[in-house]
PDB file of all heavy atoms in Angstrom:
ATOM      1  N   PHE A   1       0.859  -1.199  -0.019  1.00  0.00           N
ATOM      2  CA  PHE A   1       0.032   0.006  -0.009  1.00  0.00           C
ATOM      3  C   PHE A   1       0.852   1.288   0.014  1.00  0.00           C
ATOM      4  O   PHE A   1       0.657   2.133  -0.752  1.00  0.00           O
ATOM      5  CB  PHE A   1      -0.917   0.006   1.206  1.00  0.00           C
ATOM      6  CG  PHE A   1      -1.691   1.241   1.444  1.00  0.00           C
ATOM      7  CD1 PHE A   1      -2.869   1.564   0.766  1.00  0.00           C
ATOM      8  CD2 PHE A   1      -1.198   2.261   2.301  1.00  0.00           C
ATOM      9  CE1 PHE A   1      -3.535   2.683   0.923  1.00  0.00           C
ATOM     10  CE2 PHE A   1      -1.837   3.460   2.482  1.00  0.00           C
ATOM     11  CZ  PHE A   1      -3.052   3.655   1.792  1.00  0.00           C
ATOM     12  N   LEU A   2       1.902   1.265   0.852  1.00  0.00           N
ATOM     13  CA  LEU A   2       2.739   2.456   0.949  1.00  0.00           C
ATOM     14  C   LEU A   2       3.499   2.674  -0.372  1.00  0.00           C
ATOM     15  O   LEU A   2       3.676   3.786  -0.790  1.00  0.00           O
ATOM     16  CB  LEU A   2       3.749   2.272   2.041  1.00  0.00           C
ATOM     17  CG  LEU A   2       3.289   2.547   3.508  1.00  0.00           C
ATOM     18  CD1 LEU A   2       4.450   2.261   4.483  1.00  0.00           C
ATOM     19  CD2 LEU A   2       2.862   4.001   3.667  1.00  0.00           C
ATOM     20  N   SER A   3       4.017   1.608  -0.997  1.00  0.00           N
ATOM     21  CA  SER A   3       4.778   1.748  -2.258  1.00  0.00           C
ATOM     22  C   SER A   3       3.921   2.366  -3.320  1.00  0.00           C
ATOM     23  O   SER A   3       4.365   3.277  -4.052  1.00  0.00           O
ATOM     24  CB  SER A   3       5.380   0.452  -2.697  1.00  0.00           C
ATOM     25  OG  SER A   3       4.337  -0.472  -3.088  1.00  0.00           O
ATOM     26  N   GLY A   4       2.692   1.883  -3.473  1.00  0.00           N
ATOM     27  CA  GLY A   4       1.750   2.494  -4.464  1.00  0.00           C
ATOM     28  C   GLY A   4       1.343   3.873  -4.104  1.00  0.00           C
ATOM     29  O   GLY A   4       1.282   4.770  -4.944  1.00  0.00           O
ATOM     30  N   PHE A   5       1.178   4.167  -2.848  1.00  0.00           N
ATOM     31  CA  PHE A   5       0.725   5.416  -2.342  1.00  0.00           C
ATOM     32  C   PHE A   5       1.837   6.488  -2.646  1.00  0.00           C
ATOM     33  O   PHE A   5       1.548   7.589  -3.131  1.00  0.00           O
ATOM     34  CB  PHE A   5       0.529   5.381  -0.826  1.00  0.00           C
ATOM     35  CG  PHE A   5       0.039   6.627  -0.173  1.00  0.00           C
ATOM     36  CD1 PHE A   5      -1.330   6.977  -0.235  1.00  0.00           C
ATOM     37  CD2 PHE A   5       0.901   7.483   0.504  1.00  0.00           C
ATOM     38  CE1 PHE A   5      -1.764   8.128   0.384  1.00  0.00           C
ATOM     39  CE2 PHE A   5       0.497   8.611   1.078  1.00  0.00           C
ATOM     40  CZ  PHE A   5      -0.854   8.996   1.018  1.00  0.00           C
ATOM     41  N   ILE A   6       3.097   6.126  -2.351  1.00  0.00           N
ATOM     42  CA  ILE A   6       4.191   7.117  -2.601  1.00  0.00           C
ATOM     43  C   ILE A   6       4.442   7.322  -4.039  1.00  0.00           C
ATOM     44  O   ILE A   6       4.616   8.501  -4.480  1.00  0.00           O
ATOM     45  CB  ILE A   6       5.458   6.612  -1.925  1.00  0.00           C
ATOM     46  CG1 ILE A   6       5.271   6.436  -0.385  1.00  0.00           C
ATOM     47  CG2 ILE A   6       6.677   7.466  -2.209  1.00  0.00           C
ATOM     48  CD1 ILE A   6       6.354   5.678   0.279  1.00  0.00           C
ATOM     49  N   SER A   7       4.483   6.303  -4.811  1.00  0.00           N
ATOM     50  CA  SER A   7       4.896   6.442  -6.283  1.00  0.00           C
ATOM     51  C   SER A   7       3.956   7.315  -7.074  1.00  0.00           C
ATOM     52  O   SER A   7       4.459   8.223  -7.773  1.00  0.00           O
ATOM     53  CB  SER A   7       4.987   5.016  -6.923  1.00  0.00           C
ATOM     54  OG  SER A   7       3.720   4.373  -6.873  1.00  0.00           O
ATOM     55  N   ILE A   8       2.668   7.150  -6.931  1.00  0.00           N
ATOM     56  CA  ILE A   8       1.735   8.004  -7.698  1.00  0.00           C
ATOM     57  C   ILE A   8       1.603   9.375  -7.072  1.00  0.00           C
ATOM     58  O   ILE A   8       1.414  10.375  -7.721  1.00  0.00           O
ATOM     59  CB  ILE A   8       0.368   7.314  -7.808  1.00  0.00           C
ATOM     60  CG1 ILE A   8       0.494   6.013  -8.548  1.00  0.00           C
ATOM     61  CG2 ILE A   8      -0.580   8.230  -8.624  1.00  0.00           C
ATOM     62  CD1 ILE A   8       1.137   6.106  -9.961  1.00  0.00           C
ATOM     63  N   GLY A   9       1.706   9.422  -5.775  1.00  0.00           N
ATOM     64  CA  GLY A   9       1.675  10.744  -5.082  1.00  0.00           C
ATOM     65  C   GLY A   9       2.785  11.624  -5.589  1.00  0.00           C
ATOM     66  O   GLY A   9       2.568  12.842  -5.804  1.00  0.00           O
ATOM     67  N   LEU A  10       3.965  11.042  -5.768  1.00  0.00           N
ATOM     68  CA  LEU A  10       5.106  11.888  -6.273  1.00  0.00           C
ATOM     69  C   LEU A  10       4.863  12.291  -7.727  1.00  0.00           C
ATOM     70  O   LEU A  10       5.256  13.406  -8.141  1.00  0.00           O
ATOM     71  CB  LEU A  10       6.385  11.023  -6.216  1.00  0.00           C
ATOM     72  CG  LEU A  10       6.944  10.760  -4.826  1.00  0.00           C
ATOM     73  CD1 LEU A  10       8.149   9.855  -4.865  1.00  0.00           C
ATOM     74  CD2 LEU A  10       7.343  12.032  -4.109  1.00  0.00           C
ATOM     75  N   GLU A  11       4.180  11.422  -8.475  1.00  0.00           N
ATOM     76  CA  GLU A  11       3.854  11.841  -9.918  1.00  0.00           C
ATOM     77  C   GLU A  11       2.906  12.975  -9.883  1.00  0.00           C
ATOM     78  O   GLU A  11       3.102  13.952 -10.711  1.00  0.00           O
ATOM     79  CB  GLU A  11       3.267  10.626 -10.632  1.00  0.00           C
ATOM     80  CG  GLU A  11       3.010  10.852 -12.109  1.00  0.00           C
ATOM     81  CD  GLU A  11       2.569   9.748 -12.842  1.00  0.00           C
ATOM     82  OE1 GLU A  11       2.638   8.586 -12.308  1.00  0.00           O
ATOM     83  OE2 GLU A  11       2.102   9.818 -14.007  1.00  0.00           O
ATOM     84  N   ILE A  12       1.937  12.969  -9.046  1.00  0.00           N
ATOM     85  CA  ILE A  12       1.020  14.125  -8.985  1.00  0.00           C
ATOM     86  C   ILE A  12       1.759  15.352  -8.543  1.00  0.00           C
ATOM     87  O   ILE A  12       1.567  16.496  -9.060  1.00  0.00           O
ATOM     88  CB  ILE A  12      -0.157  13.849  -8.014  1.00  0.00           C
ATOM     89  CG1 ILE A  12      -1.012  12.626  -8.513  1.00  0.00           C
ATOM     90  CG2 ILE A  12      -1.075  15.020  -7.858  1.00  0.00           C
ATOM     91  CD1 ILE A  12      -1.627  12.822  -9.873  1.00  0.00           C
ATOM     92  N   LEU A  13       2.604  15.213  -7.546  1.00  0.00           N
ATOM     93  CA  LEU A  13       3.366  16.327  -7.123  1.00  0.00           C
ATOM     94  C   LEU A  13       4.284  16.910  -8.182  1.00  0.00           C
ATOM     95  O   LEU A  13       4.534  18.078  -8.254  1.00  0.00           O
ATOM     96  CB  LEU A  13       4.261  15.937  -5.928  1.00  0.00           C
ATOM     97  CG  LEU A  13       3.770  16.241  -4.494  1.00  0.00           C
ATOM     98  CD1 LEU A  13       4.771  15.692  -3.491  1.00  0.00           C
ATOM     99  CD2 LEU A  13       3.591  17.742  -4.292  1.00  0.00           C
ATOM    100  N   GLY A  14       4.761  15.999  -9.069  1.00  0.00           N
ATOM    101  CA  GLY A  14       5.588  16.417 -10.120  1.00  0.00           C
ATOM    102  C   GLY A  14       4.965  17.486 -11.054  1.00  0.00           C
ATOM    103  O   GLY A  14       5.654  18.436 -11.435  1.00  0.00           O
ATOM    104  N   PHE A  15       3.676  17.392 -11.294  1.00  0.00           N
ATOM    105  CA  PHE A  15       3.033  18.411 -12.106  1.00  0.00           C
ATOM    106  C   PHE A  15       3.145  19.790 -11.453  1.00  0.00           C
ATOM    107  O   PHE A  15       3.343  20.775 -12.153  1.00  0.00           O
ATOM    108  CB  PHE A  15       1.551  18.015 -12.264  1.00  0.00           C
ATOM    109  CG  PHE A  15       1.303  16.870 -13.213  1.00  0.00           C
ATOM    110  CD1 PHE A  15       1.168  15.607 -12.744  1.00  0.00           C
ATOM    111  CD2 PHE A  15       1.232  17.106 -14.585  1.00  0.00           C
ATOM    112  CE1 PHE A  15       0.949  14.538 -13.575  1.00  0.00           C
ATOM    113  CE2 PHE A  15       1.053  16.018 -15.414  1.00  0.00           C
ATOM    114  CZ  PHE A  15       0.879  14.744 -14.982  1.00  0.00           C
ATOM    115  N   ARG A  16       2.961  19.812 -10.164  1.00  0.00           N
ATOM    116  CA  ARG A  16       2.974  21.118  -9.449  1.00  0.00           C
ATOM    117  C   ARG A  16       4.368  21.573  -9.351  1.00  0.00           C
ATOM    118  O   ARG A  16       4.683  22.790  -9.363  1.00  0.00           O
ATOM    119  CB  ARG A  16       2.345  20.937  -8.037  1.00  0.00           C
ATOM    120  CG  ARG A  16       2.236  22.215  -7.303  1.00  0.00           C
ATOM    121  CD  ARG A  16       1.299  23.186  -7.935  1.00  0.00           C
ATOM    122  NE  ARG A  16       1.261  24.497  -7.302  1.00  0.00           N
ATOM    123  CZ  ARG A  16       2.136  25.480  -7.618  1.00  0.00           C
ATOM    124  NH1 ARG A  16       3.076  25.287  -8.532  1.00  0.00           N
ATOM    125  NH2 ARG A  16       2.045  26.699  -6.964  1.00  0.00           N
ATOM    126  N   ILE A  17       5.343  20.701  -9.141  1.00  0.00           N
ATOM    127  CA  ILE A  17       6.723  21.095  -8.989  1.00  0.00           C
ATOM    128  C   ILE A  17       7.300  21.665 -10.260  1.00  0.00           C
ATOM    129  O   ILE A  17       8.032  22.685 -10.308  1.00  0.00           O
ATOM    130  CB  ILE A  17       7.646  19.914  -8.532  1.00  0.00           C
ATOM    131  CG1 ILE A  17       7.231  19.391  -7.108  1.00  0.00           C
ATOM    132  CG2 ILE A  17       9.148  20.258  -8.609  1.00  0.00           C
ATOM    133  CD1 ILE A  17       7.885  18.136  -6.753  1.00  0.00           C
ATOM    134  N   LEU A  18       6.919  21.111 -11.410  1.00  0.00           N
ATOM    135  CA  LEU A  18       7.465  21.566 -12.687  1.00  0.00           C
ATOM    136  C   LEU A  18       6.694  22.774 -13.192  1.00  0.00           C
ATOM    137  O   LEU A  18       7.275  23.554 -14.058  1.00  0.00           O
ATOM    138  CB  LEU A  18       7.348  20.466 -13.748  1.00  0.00           C
ATOM    139  CG  LEU A  18       8.565  19.562 -13.940  1.00  0.00           C
ATOM    140  CD1 LEU A  18       8.847  18.750 -12.726  1.00  0.00           C
ATOM    141  CD2 LEU A  18       8.347  18.671 -15.150  1.00  0.00           C
ATOM    142  N   SER A  19       5.502  23.054 -12.760  1.00  0.00           N
ATOM    143  CA  SER A  19       4.696  24.132 -13.354  1.00  0.00           C
ATOM    144  C   SER A  19       5.307  25.531 -13.294  1.00  0.00           C
ATOM    145  O   SER A  19       5.161  26.298 -14.267  1.00  0.00           O
ATOM    146  CB  SER A  19       3.308  24.149 -12.677  1.00  0.00           C
ATOM    147  OG  SER A  19       3.366  24.482 -11.301  1.00  0.00           O
ATOM    148  N   PRO A  20       6.028  25.937 -12.219  1.00  0.00           N
ATOM    149  CA  PRO A  20       6.574  27.289 -12.257  1.00  0.00           C
ATOM    150  C   PRO A  20       7.672  27.468 -13.313  1.00  0.00           C
ATOM    151  O   PRO A  20       7.966  28.597 -13.715  1.00  0.00           O
ATOM    152  CB  PRO A  20       7.174  27.436 -10.799  1.00  0.00           C
ATOM    153  CG  PRO A  20       6.489  26.457 -10.030  1.00  0.00           C
ATOM    154  CD  PRO A  20       6.159  25.306 -10.961  1.00  0.00           C
ATOM    155  N   TYR A  21       8.258  26.339 -13.735  1.00  0.00           N
ATOM    156  CA  TYR A  21       9.372  26.464 -14.658  1.00  0.00           C
ATOM    157  C   TYR A  21       8.997  26.086 -16.086  1.00  0.00           C
ATOM    158  O   TYR A  21       9.548  26.623 -17.031  1.00  0.00           O
ATOM    159  CB  TYR A  21      10.502  25.513 -14.218  1.00  0.00           C
ATOM    160  CG  TYR A  21      10.984  25.823 -12.822  1.00  0.00           C
ATOM    161  CD1 TYR A  21      10.498  25.067 -11.683  1.00  0.00           C
ATOM    162  CD2 TYR A  21      11.959  26.793 -12.575  1.00  0.00           C
ATOM    163  CE1 TYR A  21      10.964  25.351 -10.509  1.00  0.00           C
ATOM    164  CE2 TYR A  21      12.398  27.055 -11.350  1.00  0.00           C
ATOM    165  CZ  TYR A  21      11.895  26.380 -10.226  1.00  0.00           C
ATOM    166  OH  TYR A  21      12.318  26.612  -8.971  1.00  0.00           O
ATOM    167  N   PHE A  22       7.991  25.220 -16.226  1.00  0.00           N
ATOM    168  CA  PHE A  22       7.640  24.687 -17.594  1.00  0.00           C
ATOM    169  C   PHE A  22       6.146  24.757 -17.833  1.00  0.00           C
ATOM    170  O   PHE A  22       5.714  24.342 -18.935  1.00  0.00           O
ATOM    171  CB  PHE A  22       8.111  23.257 -17.712  1.00  0.00           C
ATOM    172  CG  PHE A  22       9.594  23.079 -17.490  1.00  0.00           C
ATOM    173  CD1 PHE A  22      10.021  22.517 -16.253  1.00  0.00           C
ATOM    174  CD2 PHE A  22      10.516  23.428 -18.385  1.00  0.00           C
ATOM    175  CE1 PHE A  22      11.401  22.385 -16.024  1.00  0.00           C
ATOM    176  CE2 PHE A  22      11.877  23.305 -18.195  1.00  0.00           C
ATOM    177  CZ  PHE A  22      12.277  22.762 -16.980  1.00  0.00           C
ATOM    178  N   GLY A  23       5.335  25.250 -16.931  1.00  0.00           N
ATOM    179  CA  GLY A  23       3.941  25.384 -17.199  1.00  0.00           C
ATOM    180  C   GLY A  23       3.190  24.002 -17.086  1.00  0.00           C
ATOM    181  O   GLY A  23       3.700  23.035 -16.477  1.00  0.00           O
ATOM    182  N   TYR A  24       2.004  23.927 -17.704  1.00  0.00           N
ATOM    183  CA  TYR A  24       1.181  22.713 -17.630  1.00  0.00           C
ATOM    184  C   TYR A  24       0.990  22.162 -18.998  1.00  0.00           C
ATOM    185  O   TYR A  24      -0.080  21.602 -19.328  1.00  0.00           O
ATOM    186  CB  TYR A  24      -0.101  23.034 -17.012  1.00  0.00           C
ATOM    187  CG  TYR A  24      -0.060  23.307 -15.509  1.00  0.00           C
ATOM    188  CD1 TYR A  24      -0.135  24.621 -15.028  1.00  0.00           C
ATOM    189  CD2 TYR A  24      -0.005  22.297 -14.572  1.00  0.00           C
ATOM    190  CE1 TYR A  24      -0.089  24.890 -13.675  1.00  0.00           C
ATOM    191  CE2 TYR A  24       0.001  22.501 -13.242  1.00  0.00           C
ATOM    192  CZ  TYR A  24      -0.025  23.839 -12.787  1.00  0.00           C
ATOM    193  OH  TYR A  24       0.039  24.100 -11.431  1.00  0.00           O
TER     194      TYR A  24
END
C-alpha cells in the first residue's frame, strides 16, 4: 500500500513542482 501510495503521489506532485518552470 505504501509503495503504491508514494509512487503516484510523487507523480501528482511532479506536475505542481514543474509548473513554475515549464507550465502545464
